[in-house]
Amino acid sequence: MSIGSRYLNQFQYTLEKDTVTLYGSYTVDGYGVVTSYQGGGIASVTQASTGNYEVLLQDGWDYLFQVSATVYDSATTGIAAIQVKDTYADAQIAIKNKTPLYIELLDFAGAAVDPATTATVAIEIRARRTSVAPFDAGTTV
């Protein structure tokens, strides 16, 4: 298994060791199917079902800190929230084993919904490529 074998730019100033931030963005057609994707470290983004998108990374990582997404649209968006559709434990396993993470876009009623065809969804994933944690559980800085 390849743990973060990409050439990475150095120095993110953080209290965590050996961190990486991956960025990407995608657009969809009128049916929610991904029509374009760009970014580094993310192999693909595909539609799993309405409002649910499968994000596959190019490399495995030892620890997942955060997955976030933002919808950019010139019109008022119908998307109220974006969530990771995995338990915390399942997301940690997925990031290590290079299996997909799932993100879900929700409307104001809480139903899964695809972004508009005029929208771009930007994804940010923060991870660590070492299993060495800098702090013991409960340690504060």
Protein backbone atom coordinates (compact mmCIF):
# COMPACT_ATOMS: atom_id res chain seq x y z
CA MET A 1 0.00 0.00 0.00
CA SER A 2 1.32 3.40 -0.94
CA ILE A 3 1.05 5.93 1.87
CA GLY A 4 1.21 9.38 0.35
CA SER A 5 3.88 8.66 -2.26
CA ARG A 6 3.21 11.82 -4.26
CA TYR A 7 5.69 14.69 -4.42
CA LEU A 8 4.34 17.20 -1.93
CA ASN A 9 5.27 20.80 -1.22
CA GLN A 10 6.79 21.19 2.21
CA PHE A 11 5.73 22.95 5.35
CA GLN A 12 2.24 23.28 6.60
CA TYR A 13 2.57 24.91 9.97
CA THR A 14 0.58 22.65 12.25
CA LEU A 15 0.99 20.84 15.54
CA GLU A 16 0.28 17.55 13.76
CA LYS A 17 3.11 15.64 12.08
CA ASP A 18 3.41 15.06 8.32
CA THR A 19 0.07 16.50 7.22
CA VAL A 20 -1.29 16.85 3.71
CA THR A 21 -4.18 18.83 2.25
CA LEU A 22 -5.80 17.66 -0.99
CA TYR A 23 -7.99 19.95 -3.08
CA GLY A 24 -10.29 19.28 -6.00
CA SER A 25 -13.50 20.43 -7.65
CA TYR A 26 -16.19 18.90 -9.83
CA THR A 27 -19.22 19.86 -11.91
CA VAL A 28 -22.28 17.80 -12.85
CA ASP A 29 -24.79 17.55 -15.70
CA GLY A 30 -28.58 17.83 -15.33
CA TYR A 31 -28.75 14.31 -13.90
CA GLY A 32 -26.05 14.79 -11.25
CA VAL A 33 -23.45 12.81 -13.21
CA VAL A 34 -19.94 14.24 -12.79
CA THR A 35 -18.90 15.87 -16.07
CA SER A 36 -15.54 17.30 -15.06
CA TYR A 37 -13.10 16.99 -12.20
CA GLN A 38 -9.81 18.68 -11.47
CA GLY A 39 -7.41 18.55 -8.55
CA GLY A 40 -4.49 16.64 -7.12
CA GLY A 41 -4.43 13.57 -4.91
CA ILE A 42 -8.04 12.66 -5.68
CA ALA A 43 -8.30 9.96 -8.35
CA SER A 44 -11.98 10.40 -9.15
CA VAL A 45 -15.36 11.73 -8.10
CA THR A 46 -18.43 9.82 -9.30
CA GLN A 47 -22.12 9.95 -8.54
CA ALA A 48 -23.22 7.03 -6.33
CA SER A 49 -26.89 8.12 -6.20
CA THR A 50 -28.85 11.38 -6.10
CA GLY A 51 -26.86 13.82 -3.97
CA ASN A 52 -24.27 11.19 -3.03
CA TYR A 53 -20.77 11.31 -4.46
CA GLU A 54 -17.95 8.79 -4.18
CA VAL A 55 -14.50 10.35 -3.71
CA LEU A 56 -11.59 8.01 -4.44
CA LEU A 57 -8.09 9.08 -3.43
CA GLN A 58 -4.92 8.31 -5.40
CA ASP A 59 -3.01 7.27 -2.29
CA GLY A 60 -3.77 5.79 1.10
CA TRP A 61 -3.17 7.94 4.19
CA ASP A 62 -2.73 6.96 7.82
CA TYR A 63 -5.24 9.30 9.45
CA LEU A 64 -8.13 11.45 8.25
CA PHE A 65 -8.63 14.82 9.92
CA GLN A 66 -11.32 16.43 7.83
CA VAL A 67 -13.35 16.32 4.65
CA SER A 68 -15.14 19.49 3.64
CA ALA A 69 -16.90 20.72 0.54
CA THR A 70 -18.28 24.03 -0.68
CA VAL A 71 -20.79 24.72 -3.45
CA TYR A 72 -20.05 27.66 -5.76
CA ASP A 73 -22.99 28.88 -7.83
CA SER A 74 -24.03 32.26 -9.25
CA ALA A 75 -27.67 31.45 -8.41
CA THR A 76 -29.07 30.74 -4.96
CA THR A 77 -28.22 27.14 -4.21
CA GLY A 78 -30.71 24.59 -2.99
CA ILE A 79 -27.98 22.86 -0.98
CA ALA A 80 -28.17 23.56 2.74
CA ALA A 81 -25.53 21.14 4.04
CA ILE A 82 -22.78 18.79 2.95
CA GLN A 83 -21.78 15.81 5.08
CA VAL A 84 -19.47 12.82 5.01
CA LYS A 85 -21.74 9.80 4.57
CA ASP A 86 -19.54 7.45 6.61
CA THR A 87 -19.04 6.87 10.30
CA TYR A 88 -15.82 8.31 11.67
CA ALA A 89 -14.36 4.79 12.00
CA ASP A 90 -15.36 3.80 8.43
CA ALA A 91 -13.86 7.02 7.02
CA GLN A 92 -10.56 6.22 8.79
CA ILE A 93 -10.55 2.74 7.24
CA ALA A 94 -11.43 4.12 3.81
CA ILE A 95 -8.60 6.64 3.81
CA LYS A 96 -6.03 3.99 4.79
CA ASN A 97 -7.21 1.40 2.28
CA LYS A 98 -7.85 3.73 -0.68
CA THR A 99 -11.54 2.86 -0.72
CA PRO A 100 -14.06 5.62 -1.47
CA LEU A 101 -15.22 8.31 0.91
CA TYR A 102 -18.82 9.40 0.38
CA ILE A 103 -20.09 12.94 0.57
CA GLU A 104 -23.78 13.79 0.56
CA LEU A 105 -25.36 17.10 -0.44
CA LEU A 106 -28.62 17.90 1.37
CA ASP A 107 -31.42 20.36 0.64
CA PHE A 108 -33.19 22.46 3.29
CA ALA A 109 -35.61 19.59 4.06
CA GLY A 110 -32.70 17.19 4.69
CA ALA A 111 -33.13 15.20 1.46
CA ALA A 112 -30.18 14.27 -0.76
CA VAL A 113 -29.98 16.55 -3.78
CA ASP A 114 -27.60 17.05 -6.71
CA PRO A 115 -25.97 20.44 -7.26
CA ALA A 116 -27.23 22.59 -10.14
CA THR A 117 -25.50 22.19 -13.50
CA THR A 118 -24.21 25.77 -13.06
CA ALA A 119 -22.53 24.87 -9.75
CA THR A 120 -19.02 23.73 -8.89
CA VAL A 121 -18.39 21.65 -5.78
CA ALA A 122 -14.94 22.17 -4.23
CA ILE A 123 -13.54 19.44 -1.97
CA GLU A 124 -10.82 19.70 0.67
CA ILE A 125 -9.39 16.66 2.46
CA ARG A 126 -6.88 16.91 5.30
CA ALA A 127 -4.93 13.84 6.34
CA ARG A 128 -1.74 12.66 8.01
CA ARG A 129 0.71 10.34 6.32
CA THR A 130 2.23 8.96 9.50
CA SER A 131 0.67 6.77 12.15
CA VAL A 132 2.68 8.60 14.83
CA ALA A 133 0.25 10.88 16.69
CA PRO A 134 1.89 13.94 18.26
CA PHE A 135 -0.37 13.95 21.32
CA ASP A 136 -1.74 11.43 23.75
CA ALA A 137 -5.52 11.24 24.05
CA GLY A 138 -6.77 14.16 26.09
CA THR A 139 -3.60 16.25 25.73
CA THR A 140 -4.23 19.91 25.06
CA VAL A 141 -1.88 22.47 23.68
